[in-house]
């Protein structure tokens, strides 16, 4: 079991060189060369490969995603948006969402998030 440091003891703790005290009194310190793991956050769409139509699984995903975009563009709300905002006036800001690229091999959850935001 680890003991949580008291609030008065936290002022001198350095996140790189923090140590933990076990219930039996022994202290655990990370090695000097220990690296903290950084999570990779991919925000650019260029990092993903393009789905291949010759692959049966990819072809099914492409067909499903293209159908979702077709359904989204076939709504009254989308027609009203096209009438209100001309294509030349649209910018890449949250008020003017971009149609998601259905050809990218992105995870399904990310794809659904892009469609929902669109």
Protein backbone atom coordinates (compact mmCIF):
# COMPACT_ATOMS: atom_id res chain seq x y z
CA UNK A 1 0.00 0.00 0.00
CA UNK A 2 1.17 3.51 -0.77
CA UNK A 3 0.83 6.38 1.63
CA UNK A 4 -0.45 9.57 0.14
CA UNK A 5 1.83 12.56 0.90
CA UNK A 6 0.42 15.03 3.38
CA UNK A 7 -0.51 18.45 1.93
CA UNK A 8 2.46 20.04 3.73
CA UNK A 9 4.84 17.54 2.10
CA UNK A 10 3.69 18.19 -1.48
CA UNK A 11 5.39 21.58 -1.86
CA UNK A 12 8.82 20.06 -2.42
CA UNK A 13 7.72 17.19 -4.67
CA UNK A 14 9.14 17.28 -8.17
CA UNK A 15 7.03 15.29 -10.67
CA UNK A 16 10.16 13.93 -12.35
CA UNK A 17 11.75 12.81 -9.10
CA UNK A 18 8.77 11.82 -6.99
CA UNK A 19 9.00 8.95 -4.54
CA UNK A 20 6.32 6.92 -2.83
CA UNK A 21 6.33 5.50 0.68
CA UNK A 22 4.86 2.07 1.29
CA UNK A 23 2.82 1.21 4.38
CA UNK A 24 5.77 -0.72 5.81
CA UNK A 25 7.95 2.41 5.66
CA UNK A 26 10.08 1.52 2.64
CA UNK A 27 10.42 4.13 -0.11
CA UNK A 28 10.02 3.49 -3.82
CA UNK A 29 11.73 5.87 -6.22
CA UNK A 30 11.65 5.69 -10.01
CA UNK A 31 14.98 5.03 -11.74
CA UNK A 32 16.90 8.06 -13.04
CA UNK A 33 16.43 7.05 -16.65
CA UNK A 34 12.66 6.46 -16.30
CA UNK A 35 10.72 8.24 -19.01
CA UNK A 36 7.14 9.27 -18.72
CA UNK A 37 5.01 7.94 -21.52
CA UNK A 38 3.53 10.62 -23.74
CA UNK A 39 0.30 9.93 -25.54
CA UNK A 40 0.43 10.49 -29.25
CA UNK A 41 -2.34 12.73 -30.40
CA UNK A 42 -2.94 12.69 -34.10
CA UNK A 43 -4.93 15.66 -35.26
CA UNK A 44 -4.00 15.82 -38.90
CA UNK A 45 -5.84 13.61 -41.34
CA UNK A 46 -2.70 13.09 -43.43
CA UNK A 47 -1.44 10.55 -40.89
CA UNK A 48 -4.07 8.00 -41.90
CA UNK A 49 -3.88 5.76 -44.93
CA UNK A 50 -6.54 5.84 -47.64
CA UNK A 51 -8.93 2.90 -47.72
CA UNK A 52 -8.35 0.51 -50.61
CA UNK A 53 -11.43 -0.36 -52.67
CA UNK A 54 -9.93 -3.69 -53.76
CA UNK A 55 -9.87 -4.92 -50.15
CA UNK A 56 -13.35 -6.35 -49.31
CA UNK A 57 -13.36 -4.98 -45.75
CA UNK A 58 -12.27 -1.53 -46.89
CA UNK A 59 -14.81 -1.57 -49.72
CA UNK A 60 -17.62 -2.27 -47.24
CA UNK A 61 -16.44 0.58 -44.97
CA UNK A 62 -16.25 2.96 -47.94
CA UNK A 63 -19.74 2.03 -49.05
CA UNK A 64 -21.20 2.45 -45.56
CA UNK A 65 -19.47 5.78 -44.95
CA UNK A 66 -20.41 7.17 -48.38
CA UNK A 67 -24.00 6.18 -47.65
CA UNK A 68 -23.88 8.04 -44.32
CA UNK A 69 -22.65 11.19 -46.07
CA UNK A 70 -25.31 10.81 -48.76
CA UNK A 71 -28.00 10.58 -46.07
CA UNK A 72 -26.60 13.63 -44.29
CA UNK A 73 -26.63 15.68 -47.47
CA UNK A 74 -30.20 14.56 -48.20
CA UNK A 75 -31.71 16.47 -45.26
CA UNK A 76 -33.74 19.64 -45.06
CA UNK A 77 -31.21 21.17 -42.67
CA UNK A 78 -28.36 20.64 -45.13
CA UNK A 79 -30.40 22.20 -47.96
CA UNK A 80 -31.13 25.24 -45.79
CA UNK A 81 -27.45 25.53 -44.88
CA UNK A 82 -26.50 25.49 -48.58
CA UNK A 83 -29.01 28.28 -49.28
CA UNK A 84 -27.84 30.45 -46.35
CA UNK A 85 -24.06 30.06 -46.71
CA UNK A 86 -22.50 30.18 -50.15
CA UNK A 87 -19.54 27.91 -50.81
CA UNK A 88 -17.20 30.89 -51.24
CA UNK A 89 -18.16 32.22 -47.77
CA UNK A 90 -17.39 29.01 -45.88
CA UNK A 91 -14.26 28.76 -43.79
CA UNK A 92 -12.70 26.03 -41.67
CA UNK A 93 -14.21 27.17 -38.41
CA UNK A 94 -16.73 25.40 -36.16
CA UNK A 95 -19.63 27.40 -37.62
CA UNK A 96 -18.84 25.94 -41.05
CA UNK A 97 -18.05 22.23 -40.61
CA UNK A 98 -16.31 20.33 -43.38
CA UNK A 99 -17.73 17.14 -44.83
CA UNK A 100 -15.70 14.25 -43.36
CA UNK A 101 -13.40 12.38 -45.73
CA UNK A 102 -14.91 8.91 -46.02
CA UNK A 103 -11.84 7.51 -47.78
CA UNK A 104 -9.51 7.79 -44.78
CA UNK A 105 -8.80 4.74 -42.62
CA UNK A 106 -9.74 6.30 -39.30
CA UNK A 107 -11.19 4.49 -36.30
CA UNK A 108 -14.96 4.09 -36.33
CA UNK A 109 -15.44 6.15 -33.18
CA UNK A 110 -13.52 9.07 -34.68
CA UNK A 111 -15.50 8.74 -37.92
CA UNK A 112 -18.79 8.86 -36.02
CA UNK A 113 -17.59 11.91 -34.09
CA UNK A 114 -16.73 13.70 -37.33
CA UNK A 115 -20.13 12.85 -38.82
CA UNK A 116 -21.90 14.02 -35.68
CA UNK A 117 -19.97 17.31 -35.68
CA UNK A 118 -20.70 17.76 -39.38
